[in-house]
Structure formats: structure tokens, C-alpha cells
């Protein structure tokens, strides 16, 4: 039995669904952020699978740039979460209902 495009897309959909559930169900900013990253990686997996299936490198090159931008986004996002935690003393979404410091 060979692993085909369908298998990769099913795994990608499961990862995306798990990330979406994490974003909707959790209240901790760090867990929500990790769930968003999981959704991004699920989309990357689908892009690589389609790229391999169609035998061109355009999807894989796009994934390379997405991962590069995501690395910078992780640094900025984690810095914001740490700053919010230091300022407010919490990382729960329901406690962060105002933009005022």
C-alpha cells in the first residue's frame, strides 16, 4: 500500500481541525498561539503534498517562505505574550478584555 495524496490531505485536515479546536476552546494565549501555528503547519503540509503530486517545486518554495515568515512571527508573538503577562500577570483571554494598560 502506497501513501498517496489523499492520506496527506487527511492528516492535514486533522491537524487543521485540531488547531481550530484549540483556538476556539482554549482560553490561554500561549495555547491559542500554538494552535494557530498548528493550523499554519497543516496548510504547509497540504501545499507540499499538492506540490509533490503535481511534480513541481512551486508549493515547496512557497512553504519555505511561509516557514521563514512564521519564524519571525513567532518571535514577535511570543514577545507580545510575555509583555502582556508581565504587565497584567495573566495570559488568559477573558482577563485581557481591554486595550488599556
PDB file of N, CA and C in Angstrom:
ATOM      1  N   UNK A   1       0.847  -1.183   0.000  1.00  0.00           N
ATOM      2  CA  UNK A   1       0.000   0.000   0.000  1.00  0.00           C
ATOM      3  C   UNK A   1       0.891   1.244   0.000  1.00  0.00           C
ATOM      4  N   UNK A   2       0.662   2.130  -0.926  1.00  0.00           N
ATOM      5  CA  UNK A   2       1.443   3.358  -1.013  1.00  0.00           C
ATOM      6  C   UNK A   2       0.684   4.513  -0.368  1.00  0.00           C
ATOM      7  N   UNK A   3       1.436   5.446   0.100  1.00  0.00           N
ATOM      8  CA  UNK A   3       0.850   6.641   0.697  1.00  0.00           C
ATOM      9  C   UNK A   3       0.624   7.642  -0.422  1.00  0.00           C
ATOM     10  N   UNK A   4      -0.621   8.009  -0.626  1.00  0.00           N
ATOM     11  CA  UNK A   4      -0.964   8.908  -1.712  1.00  0.00           C
ATOM     12  C   UNK A   4      -1.337  10.295  -1.220  1.00  0.00           C
ATOM     13  N   UNK A   5      -1.779  11.094  -2.153  1.00  0.00           N
ATOM     14  CA  UNK A   5      -2.171  12.475  -1.854  1.00  0.00           C
ATOM     15  C   UNK A   5      -3.301  12.519  -0.838  1.00  0.00           C
ATOM     16  N   UNK A   6      -4.236  11.603  -0.968  1.00  0.00           N
ATOM     17  CA  UNK A   6      -5.394  11.564  -0.069  1.00  0.00           C
ATOM     18  C   UNK A   6      -4.961  11.423   1.386  1.00  0.00           C
ATOM     19  N   UNK A   7      -3.979  10.581   1.642  1.00  0.00           N
ATOM     20  CA  UNK A   7      -3.518  10.364   3.006  1.00  0.00           C
ATOM     21  C   UNK A   7      -2.918  11.643   3.604  1.00  0.00           C
ATOM     22  N   UNK A   8      -2.117  12.329   2.817  1.00  0.00           N
ATOM     23  CA  UNK A   8      -1.524  13.578   3.292  1.00  0.00           C
ATOM     24  C   UNK A   8      -2.594  14.628   3.559  1.00  0.00           C
ATOM     25  N   UNK A   9      -3.587  14.698   2.698  1.00  0.00           N
ATOM     26  CA  UNK A   9      -4.643  15.692   2.890  1.00  0.00           C
ATOM     27  C   UNK A   9      -5.508  15.368   4.093  1.00  0.00           C
ATOM     28  N   UNK A  10      -5.713  14.097   4.381  1.00  0.00           N
ATOM     29  CA  UNK A  10      -6.476  13.713   5.582  1.00  0.00           C
ATOM     30  C   UNK A  10      -5.708  14.116   6.837  1.00  0.00           C
ATOM     31  N   UNK A  11      -4.406  13.855   6.861  1.00  0.00           N
ATOM     32  CA  UNK A  11      -3.591  14.252   8.012  1.00  0.00           C
ATOM     33  C   UNK A  11      -3.584  15.771   8.150  1.00  0.00           C
ATOM     34  N   UNK A  12      -3.477  16.468   7.037  1.00  0.00           N
ATOM     35  CA  UNK A  12      -3.501  17.923   7.063  1.00  0.00           C
ATOM     36  C   UNK A  12      -4.833  18.452   7.602  1.00  0.00           C
ATOM     37  N   UNK A  13      -5.930  17.861   7.164  1.00  0.00           N
ATOM     38  CA  UNK A  13      -7.243  18.282   7.651  1.00  0.00           C
ATOM     39  C   UNK A  13      -7.409  17.985   9.140  1.00  0.00           C
ATOM     40  N   UNK A  14      -6.897  16.849   9.592  1.00  0.00           N
ATOM     41  CA  UNK A  14      -6.967  16.527  11.019  1.00  0.00           C
ATOM     42  C   UNK A  14      -6.143  17.510  11.854  1.00  0.00           C
ATOM     43  N   UNK A  15      -4.949  17.837  11.397  1.00  0.00           N
ATOM     44  CA  UNK A  15      -4.124  18.807  12.114  1.00  0.00           C
ATOM     45  C   UNK A  15      -4.781  20.181  12.143  1.00  0.00           C
ATOM     46  N   UNK A  16      -5.358  20.575  11.014  1.00  0.00           N
ATOM     47  CA  UNK A  16      -6.036  21.874  10.961  1.00  0.00           C
ATOM     48  C   UNK A  16      -7.242  21.891  11.892  1.00  0.00           C
ATOM     49  N   UNK A  17      -8.003  20.805  11.924  1.00  0.00           N
ATOM     50  CA  UNK A  17      -9.163  20.728  12.812  1.00  0.00           C
ATOM     51  C   UNK A  17      -8.751  20.761  14.272  1.00  0.00           C
ATOM     52  N   UNK A  18      -7.677  20.078  14.599  1.00  0.00           N
ATOM     53  CA  UNK A  18      -7.168  20.097  15.974  1.00  0.00           C
ATOM     54  C   UNK A  18      -6.731  21.513  16.363  1.00  0.00           C
ATOM     55  N   UNK A  19      -6.072  22.206  15.461  1.00  0.00           N
ATOM     56  CA  UNK A  19      -5.676  23.589  15.720  1.00  0.00           C
ATOM     57  C   UNK A  19      -6.870  24.509  15.866  1.00  0.00           C
ATOM     58  N   UNK A  20      -7.871  24.324  15.027  1.00  0.00           N
ATOM     59  CA  UNK A  20      -9.076  25.145  15.116  1.00  0.00           C
ATOM     60  C   UNK A  20      -9.801  24.910  16.435  1.00  0.00           C
ATOM     61  N   UNK A  21      -9.867  23.659  16.854  1.00  0.00           N
ATOM     62  CA  UNK A  21     -10.466  23.354  18.147  1.00  0.00           C
ATOM     63  C   UNK A  21      -9.694  24.024  19.281  1.00  0.00           C
ATOM     64  N   UNK A  22      -8.374  24.011  19.198  1.00  0.00           N
ATOM     65  CA  UNK A  22      -7.558  24.655  20.213  1.00  0.00           C
ATOM     66  C   UNK A  22      -7.779  26.156  20.276  1.00  0.00           C
ATOM     67  N   UNK A  23      -7.967  26.789  19.119  1.00  0.00           N
ATOM     68  CA  UNK A  23      -8.212  28.234  19.090  1.00  0.00           C
ATOM     69  C   UNK A  23      -9.582  28.557  19.687  1.00  0.00           C
ATOM     70  N   UNK A  24     -10.564  27.761  19.348  1.00  0.00           N
ATOM     71  CA  UNK A  24     -11.926  28.049  19.803  1.00  0.00           C
ATOM     72  C   UNK A  24     -12.197  27.636  21.244  1.00  0.00           C
ATOM     73  N   UNK A  25     -11.556  26.590  21.723  1.00  0.00           N
ATOM     74  CA  UNK A  25     -11.900  26.043  23.031  1.00  0.00           C
ATOM     75  C   UNK A  25     -11.004  26.534  24.160  1.00  0.00           C
ATOM     76  N   UNK A  26      -9.785  26.904  23.870  1.00  0.00           N
ATOM     77  CA  UNK A  26      -8.853  27.262  24.930  1.00  0.00           C
ATOM     78  C   UNK A  26      -8.935  28.737  25.281  1.00  0.00           C
ATOM     79  N   UNK A  27      -8.480  29.073  26.470  1.00  0.00           N
ATOM     80  CA  UNK A  27      -8.504  30.450  26.945  1.00  0.00           C
ATOM     81  C   UNK A  27      -7.117  31.025  27.218  1.00  0.00           C
ATOM     82  N   UNK A  28      -6.090  30.199  27.178  1.00  0.00           N
ATOM     83  CA  UNK A  28      -4.730  30.661  27.421  1.00  0.00           C
ATOM     84  C   UNK A  28      -4.128  31.156  26.109  1.00  0.00           C
ATOM     85  N   UNK A  29      -3.533  32.338  26.135  1.00  0.00           N
ATOM     86  CA  UNK A  29      -2.980  32.924  24.911  1.00  0.00           C
ATOM     87  C   UNK A  29      -1.885  32.067  24.302  1.00  0.00           C
ATOM     88  N   UNK A  30      -1.068  31.454  25.126  1.00  0.00           N
ATOM     89  CA  UNK A  30       0.022  30.637  24.609  1.00  0.00           C
ATOM     90  C   UNK A  30      -0.503  29.395  23.887  1.00  0.00           C
ATOM     91  N   UNK A  31      -1.530  28.767  24.430  1.00  0.00           N
ATOM     92  CA  UNK A  31      -2.124  27.587  23.792  1.00  0.00           C
ATOM     93  C   UNK A  31      -2.829  27.988  22.495  1.00  0.00           C
ATOM     94  N   UNK A  32      -3.490  29.133  22.494  1.00  0.00           N
ATOM     95  CA  UNK A  32      -4.132  29.625  21.267  1.00  0.00           C
ATOM     96  C   UNK A  32      -3.081  29.896  20.195  1.00  0.00           C
ATOM     97  N   UNK A  33      -1.973  30.474  20.598  1.00  0.00           N
ATOM     98  CA  UNK A  33      -0.898  30.770  19.662  1.00  0.00           C
ATOM     99  C   UNK A  33      -0.301  29.490  19.072  1.00  0.00           C
ATOM    100  N   UNK A  34      -0.098  28.484  19.909  1.00  0.00           N
ATOM    101  CA  UNK A  34       0.417  27.200  19.410  1.00  0.00           C
ATOM    102  C   UNK A  34      -0.599  26.537  18.476  1.00  0.00           C
ATOM    103  N   UNK A  35      -1.877  26.693  18.750  1.00  0.00           N
ATOM    104  CA  UNK A  35      -2.907  26.132  17.883  1.00  0.00           C
ATOM    105  C   UNK A  35      -2.907  26.824  16.523  1.00  0.00           C
ATOM    106  N   UNK A  36      -2.693  28.127  16.518  1.00  0.00           N
ATOM    107  CA  UNK A  36      -2.591  28.847  15.245  1.00  0.00           C
ATOM    108  C   UNK A  36      -1.388  28.364  14.431  1.00  0.00           C
ATOM    109  N   UNK A  37      -0.290  28.110  15.100  1.00  0.00           N
ATOM    110  CA  UNK A  37       0.881  27.580  14.414  1.00  0.00           C
ATOM    111  C   UNK A  37       0.622  26.175  13.863  1.00  0.00           C
ATOM    112  N   UNK A  38      -0.140  25.392  14.594  1.00  0.00           N
ATOM    113  CA  UNK A  38      -0.503  24.060  14.110  1.00  0.00           C
ATOM    114  C   UNK A  38      -1.351  24.158  12.848  1.00  0.00           C
ATOM    115  N   UNK A  39      -2.264  25.111  12.809  1.00  0.00           N
ATOM    116  CA  UNK A  39      -3.081  25.319  11.610  1.00  0.00           C
ATOM    117  C   UNK A  39      -2.208  25.748  10.430  1.00  0.00           C
ATOM    118  N   UNK A  40      -1.224  26.605  10.684  1.00  0.00           N
ATOM    119  CA  UNK A  40      -0.318  27.043   9.621  1.00  0.00           C
ATOM    120  C   UNK A  40       0.489  25.870   9.082  1.00  0.00           C
ATOM    121  N   UNK A  41       0.963  25.006   9.964  1.00  0.00           N
ATOM    122  CA  UNK A  41       1.730  23.847   9.518  1.00  0.00           C
ATOM    123  C   UNK A  41       0.861  22.829   8.781  1.00  0.00           C
ATOM    124  N   UNK A  42      -0.408  22.745   9.125  1.00  0.00           N
ATOM    125  CA  UNK A  42      -1.320  21.877   8.372  1.00  0.00           C
ATOM    126  C   UNK A  42      -1.476  22.381   6.939  1.00  0.00           C
ATOM    127  N   UNK A  43      -1.577  23.688   6.784  1.00  0.00           N
ATOM    128  CA  UNK A  43      -1.654  24.265   5.437  1.00  0.00           C
ATOM    129  C   UNK A  43      -0.351  24.026   4.673  1.00  0.00           C
ATOM    130  N   UNK A  44       0.776  24.116   5.365  1.00  0.00           N
ATOM    131  CA  UNK A  44       2.065  23.832   4.722  1.00  0.00           C
ATOM    132  C   UNK A  44       2.143  22.387   4.251  1.00  0.00           C
ATOM    133  N   UNK A  45       1.653  21.464   5.064  1.00  0.00           N
ATOM    134  CA  UNK A  45       1.652  20.052   4.676  1.00  0.00           C
ATOM    135  C   UNK A  45       0.813  19.838   3.411  1.00  0.00           C
ATOM    136  N   UNK A  46      -0.329  20.490   3.339  1.00  0.00           N
ATOM    137  CA  UNK A  46      -1.170  20.365   2.147  1.00  0.00           C
ATOM    138  C   UNK A  46      -0.470  20.940   0.918  1.00  0.00           C
ATOM    139  N   UNK A  47       0.208  22.076   1.086  1.00  0.00           N
ATOM    140  CA  UNK A  47       0.931  22.665  -0.042  1.00  0.00           C
ATOM    141  C   UNK A  47       2.042  21.748  -0.543  1.00  0.00           C
ATOM    142  N   UNK A  48       2.783  21.153   0.366  1.00  0.00           N
ATOM    143  CA  UNK A  48       3.863  20.243  -0.033  1.00  0.00           C
ATOM    144  C   UNK A  48       3.291  19.002  -0.704  1.00  0.00           C
ATOM    145  N   UNK A  49       2.185  18.494  -0.189  1.00  0.00           N
ATOM    146  CA  UNK A  49       1.568  17.305  -0.779  1.00  0.00           C
ATOM    147  C   UNK A  49       1.096  17.587  -2.208  1.00  0.00           C
ATOM    148  N   UNK A  50       0.438  18.724  -2.399  1.00  0.00           N
ATOM    149  CA  UNK A  50      -0.005  19.073  -3.753  1.00  0.00           C
ATOM    150  C   UNK A  50       1.185  19.313  -4.676  1.00  0.00           C
ATOM    151  N   UNK A  51       2.228  19.932  -4.155  1.00  0.00           N
ATOM    152  CA  UNK A  51       3.424  20.184  -4.953  1.00  0.00           C
ATOM    153  C   UNK A  51       4.057  18.874  -5.414  1.00  0.00           C
ATOM    154  N   UNK A  52       4.133  17.928  -4.520  1.00  0.00           N
ATOM    155  CA  UNK A  52       4.720  16.627  -4.885  1.00  0.00           C
ATOM    156  C   UNK A  52       3.822  15.865  -5.856  1.00  0.00           C
ATOM    157  N   UNK A  53       2.521  15.966  -5.650  1.00  0.00           N
ATOM    158  CA  UNK A  53       1.576  15.268  -6.509  1.00  0.00           C
ATOM    159  C   UNK A  53       1.634  15.799  -7.942  1.00  0.00           C
ATOM    160  N   UNK A  54       1.793  17.109  -8.093  1.00  0.00           N
ATOM    161  CA  UNK A  54       1.832  17.712  -9.425  1.00  0.00           C
ATOM    162  C   UNK A  54       3.246  17.809  -9.978  1.00  0.00           C
ATOM    163  N   UNK A  55       4.235  17.335  -9.240  1.00  0.00           N
ATOM    164  CA  UNK A  55       5.636  17.254  -9.676  1.00  0.00           C
ATOM    165  C   UNK A  55       6.225  18.609 -10.063  1.00  0.00           C
ATOM    166  N   UNK A  56       5.912  19.631  -9.263  1.00  0.00           N
ATOM    167  CA  UNK A  56       6.595  20.910  -9.430  1.00  0.00           C
ATOM    168  C   UNK A  56       7.019  21.418  -8.058  1.00  0.00           C
ATOM    169  N   UNK A  57       7.934  22.357  -8.039  1.00  0.00           N
ATOM    170  CA  UNK A  57       8.501  22.826  -6.785  1.00  0.00           C
ATOM    171  C   UNK A  57       7.885  24.126  -6.290  1.00  0.00           C
ATOM    172  N   UNK A  58       6.869  24.644  -6.960  1.00  0.00           N
ATOM    173  CA  UNK A  58       6.312  25.937  -6.570  1.00  0.00           C
ATOM    174  C   UNK A  58       5.716  25.902  -5.160  1.00  0.00           C
ATOM    175  N   UNK A  59       5.016  24.846  -4.828  1.00  0.00           N
ATOM    176  CA  UNK A  59       4.426  24.736  -3.496  1.00  0.00           C
ATOM    177  C   UNK A  59       5.487  24.600  -2.415  1.00  0.00           C
ATOM    178  N   UNK A  60       6.546  23.873  -2.705  1.00  0.00           N
ATOM    179  CA  UNK A  60       7.607  23.698  -1.715  1.00  0.00           C
ATOM    180  C   UNK A  60       8.396  24.983  -1.496  1.00  0.00           C
ATOM    181  N   UNK A  61       8.587  25.756  -2.547  1.00  0.00           N
ATOM    182  CA  UNK A  61       9.247  27.052  -2.401  1.00  0.00           C
ATOM    183  C   UNK A  61       8.371  27.994  -1.588  1.00  0.00           C
ATOM    184  N   UNK A  62       7.076  27.959  -1.819  1.00  0.00           N
ATOM    185  CA  UNK A  62       6.159  28.803  -1.048  1.00  0.00           C
ATOM    186  C   UNK A  62       6.180  28.409   0.431  1.00  0.00           C
ATOM    187  N   UNK A  63       6.225  27.124   0.712  1.00  0.00           N
ATOM    188  CA  UNK A  63       6.303  26.657   2.099  1.00  0.00           C
ATOM    189  C   UNK A  63       7.584  27.143   2.750  1.00  0.00           C
ATOM    190  N   UNK A  64       8.671  27.151   2.027  1.00  0.00           N
ATOM    191  CA  UNK A  64       9.929  27.662   2.572  1.00  0.00           C
ATOM    192  C   UNK A  64       9.781  29.110   3.012  1.00  0.00           C
ATOM    193  N   UNK A  65       9.148  29.942   2.190  1.00  0.00           N
ATOM    194  CA  UNK A  65       8.940  31.341   2.561  1.00  0.00           C
ATOM    195  C   UNK A  65       7.946  31.477   3.709  1.00  0.00           C
ATOM    196  N   UNK A  66       6.921  30.647   3.732  1.00  0.00           N
ATOM    197  CA  UNK A  66       5.945  30.685   4.825  1.00  0.00           C
ATOM    198  C   UNK A  66       6.617  30.343   6.152  1.00  0.00           C
ATOM    199  N   UNK A  67       7.475  29.334   6.155  1.00  0.00           N
ATOM    200  CA  UNK A  67       8.172  28.955   7.383  1.00  0.00           C
ATOM    201  C   UNK A  67       9.112  30.071   7.825  1.00  0.00           C
ATOM    202  N   UNK A  68       9.752  30.749   6.887  1.00  0.00           N
ATOM    203  CA  UNK A  68      10.639  31.860   7.221  1.00  0.00           C
ATOM    204  C   UNK A  68       9.864  33.000   7.868  1.00  0.00           C
ATOM    205  N   UNK A  69       8.734  33.353   7.298  1.00  0.00           N
ATOM    206  CA  UNK A  69       7.906  34.420   7.866  1.00  0.00           C
ATOM    207  C   UNK A  69       7.322  33.982   9.205  1.00  0.00           C
ATOM    208  N   UNK A  70       6.957  32.714   9.337  1.00  0.00           N
ATOM    209  CA  UNK A  70       6.398  32.207  10.586  1.00  0.00           C
ATOM    210  C   UNK A  70       7.425  32.261  11.712  1.00  0.00           C
ATOM    211  N   UNK A  71       8.692  32.064  11.402  1.00  0.00           N
ATOM    212  CA  UNK A  71       9.723  32.151  12.439  1.00  0.00           C
ATOM    213  C   UNK A  71       9.801  33.569  13.000  1.00  0.00           C
ATOM    214  N   UNK A  72       9.733  34.559  12.139  1.00  0.00           N
ATOM    215  CA  UNK A  72       9.730  35.951  12.603  1.00  0.00           C
ATOM    216  C   UNK A  72       8.449  36.257  13.375  1.00  0.00           C
ATOM    217  N   UNK A  73       7.344  35.709  12.916  1.00  0.00           N
ATOM    218  CA  UNK A  73       6.058  35.922  13.587  1.00  0.00           C
ATOM    219  C   UNK A  73       6.059  35.304  14.980  1.00  0.00           C
ATOM    220  N   UNK A  74       6.689  34.165  15.137  1.00  0.00           N
ATOM    221  CA  UNK A  74       6.770  33.522  16.452  1.00  0.00           C
ATOM    222  C   UNK A  74       7.556  34.403  17.417  1.00  0.00           C
ATOM    223  N   UNK A  75       8.640  34.972  16.964  1.00  0.00           N
ATOM    224  CA  UNK A  75       9.445  35.833  17.835  1.00  0.00           C
ATOM    225  C   UNK A  75       8.649  37.046  18.294  1.00  0.00           C
ATOM    226  N   UNK A  76       7.951  37.693  17.382  1.00  0.00           N
ATOM    227  CA  UNK A  76       7.155  38.871  17.734  1.00  0.00           C
ATOM    228  C   UNK A  76       5.960  38.482  18.604  1.00  0.00           C
ATOM    229  N   UNK A  77       5.275  37.423  18.251  1.00  0.00           N
ATOM    230  CA  UNK A  77       4.102  36.990  19.006  1.00  0.00           C
ATOM    231  C   UNK A  77       4.441  36.578  20.427  1.00  0.00           C
ATOM    232  N   UNK A  78       5.509  35.819  20.593  1.00  0.00           N
ATOM    233  CA  UNK A  78       5.907  35.422  21.941  1.00  0.00           C
ATOM    234  C   UNK A  78       6.365  36.615  22.758  1.00  0.00           C
ATOM    235  N   UNK A  79       7.023  37.578  22.128  1.00  0.00           N
ATOM    236  CA  UNK A  79       7.418  38.790  22.843  1.00  0.00           C
ATOM    237  C   UNK A  79       6.187  39.557  23.323  1.00  0.00           C
ATOM    238  N   UNK A  80       5.149  39.630  22.500  1.00  0.00           N
ATOM    239  CA  UNK A  80       3.915  40.303  22.915  1.00  0.00           C
ATOM    240  C   UNK A  80       3.226  39.565  24.058  1.00  0.00           C
ATOM    241  N   UNK A  81       3.196  38.251  23.985  1.00  0.00           N
ATOM    242  CA  UNK A  81       2.561  37.466  25.046  1.00  0.00           C
ATOM    243  C   UNK A  81       3.323  37.622  26.358  1.00  0.00           C
ATOM    244  N   UNK A  82       4.654  37.605  26.303  1.00  0.00           N
ATOM    245  CA  UNK A  82       5.460  37.789  27.508  1.00  0.00           C
ATOM    246  C   UNK A  82       5.256  39.186  28.076  1.00  0.00           C
ATOM    247  N   UNK A  83       5.193  40.196  27.217  1.00  0.00           N
ATOM    248  CA  UNK A  83       4.957  41.570  27.685  1.00  0.00           C
ATOM    249  C   UNK A  83       3.585  41.698  28.340  1.00  0.00           C
ATOM    250  N   UNK A  84       2.577  41.081  27.740  1.00  0.00           N
ATOM    251  CA  UNK A  84       1.239  41.106  28.352  1.00  0.00           C
ATOM    252  C   UNK A  84       1.230  40.395  29.693  1.00  0.00           C
ATOM    253  N   UNK A  85       1.922  39.276  29.779  1.00  0.00           N
ATOM    254  CA  UNK A  85       1.957  38.537  31.031  1.00  0.00           C
ATOM    255  C   UNK A  85       2.681  39.331  32.125  1.00  0.00           C
ATOM    256  N   UNK A  86       3.768  39.969  31.763  1.00  0.00           N
ATOM    257  CA  UNK A  86       4.494  40.764  32.755  1.00  0.00           C
ATOM    258  C   UNK A  86       3.674  41.964  33.216  1.00  0.00           C
ATOM    259  N   UNK A  87       2.933  42.558  32.295  1.00  0.00           N
ATOM    260  CA  UNK A  87       2.151  43.763  32.627  1.00  0.00           C
ATOM    261  C   UNK A  87       0.904  43.426  33.430  1.00  0.00           C
ATOM    262  N   UNK A  88       0.186  42.387  33.010  1.00  0.00           N
ATOM    263  CA  UNK A  88      -1.096  42.048  33.627  1.00  0.00           C
ATOM    264  C   UNK A  88      -1.030  40.911  34.629  1.00  0.00           C
ATOM    265  N   UNK A  89      -0.010  40.073  34.530  1.00  0.00           N
ATOM    266  CA  UNK A  89       0.102  38.942  35.437  1.00  0.00           C
ATOM    267  C   UNK A  89      -0.746  37.745  35.052  1.00  0.00           C
ATOM    268  N   UNK A  90      -1.302  37.756  33.856  1.00  0.00           N
ATOM    269  CA  UNK A  90      -2.119  36.639  33.389  1.00  0.00           C
ATOM    270  C   UNK A  90      -1.988  36.493  31.885  1.00  0.00           C
ATOM    271  N   UNK A  91      -2.259  35.291  31.406  1.00  0.00           N
ATOM    272  CA  UNK A  91      -2.244  35.036  29.967  1.00  0.00           C
ATOM    273  C   UNK A  91      -3.583  34.469  29.513  1.00  0.00           C
ATOM    274  N   UNK A  92      -4.627  34.664  30.310  1.00  0.00           N
ATOM    275  CA  UNK A  92      -5.951  34.179  29.952  1.00  0.00           C
ATOM    276  C   UNK A  92      -6.702  35.245  29.157  1.00  0.00           C
ATOM    277  N   UNK A  93      -7.401  34.812  28.135  1.00  0.00           N
ATOM    278  CA  UNK A  93      -8.065  35.740  27.215  1.00  0.00           C
ATOM    279  C   UNK A  93      -9.161  36.521  27.913  1.00  0.00           C
ATOM    280  N   UNK A  94      -9.923  35.885  28.786  1.00  0.00           N
ATOM    281  CA  UNK A  94     -11.052  36.588  29.422  1.00  0.00           C
ATOM    282  C   UNK A  94     -10.585  37.687  30.360  1.00  0.00           C
ATOM    283  N   UNK A  95      -9.352  37.622  30.824  1.00  0.00           N
ATOM    284  CA  UNK A  95      -8.813  38.685  31.688  1.00  0.00           C
ATOM    285  C   UNK A  95      -8.236  39.848  30.894  1.00  0.00           C
ATOM    286  N   UNK A  96      -8.076  39.674  29.605  1.00  0.00           N
ATOM    287  CA  UNK A  96      -7.495  40.709  28.732  1.00  0.00           C
ATOM    288  C   UNK A  96      -8.577  41.318  27.856  1.00  0.00           C
ATOM    289  N   UNK A  97      -9.576  41.920  28.457  1.00  0.00           N
ATOM    290  CA  UNK A  97     -10.717  42.418  27.691  1.00  0.00           C
ATOM    291  C   UNK A  97     -10.599  43.902  27.341  1.00  0.00           C
ATOM    292  N   UNK A  98      -9.514  44.546  27.707  1.00  0.00           N
ATOM    293  CA  UNK A  98      -9.345  45.960  27.437  1.00  0.00           C
ATOM    294  C   UNK A  98      -7.961  46.184  26.821  1.00  0.00           C
ATOM    295  N   UNK A  99      -7.878  47.180  25.945  1.00  0.00           N
ATOM    296  CA  UNK A  99      -6.597  47.511  25.348  1.00  0.00           C
ATOM    297  C   UNK A  99      -5.810  48.474  26.220  1.00  0.00           C
ATOM    298  N   UNK A 100      -6.469  49.019  27.229  1.00  0.00           N
ATOM    299  CA  UNK A 100      -5.779  49.932  28.148  1.00  0.00           C
ATOM    300  C   UNK A 100      -4.815  49.154  29.031  1.00  0.00           C
ATOM    301  N   UNK A 101      -3.705  49.764  29.351  1.00  0.00           N
ATOM    302  CA  UNK A 101      -2.730  49.124  30.223  1.00  0.00           C
ATOM    303  C   UNK A 101      -3.108  49.437  31.627  1.00  0.00           C
TER     304      UNK A 101
END
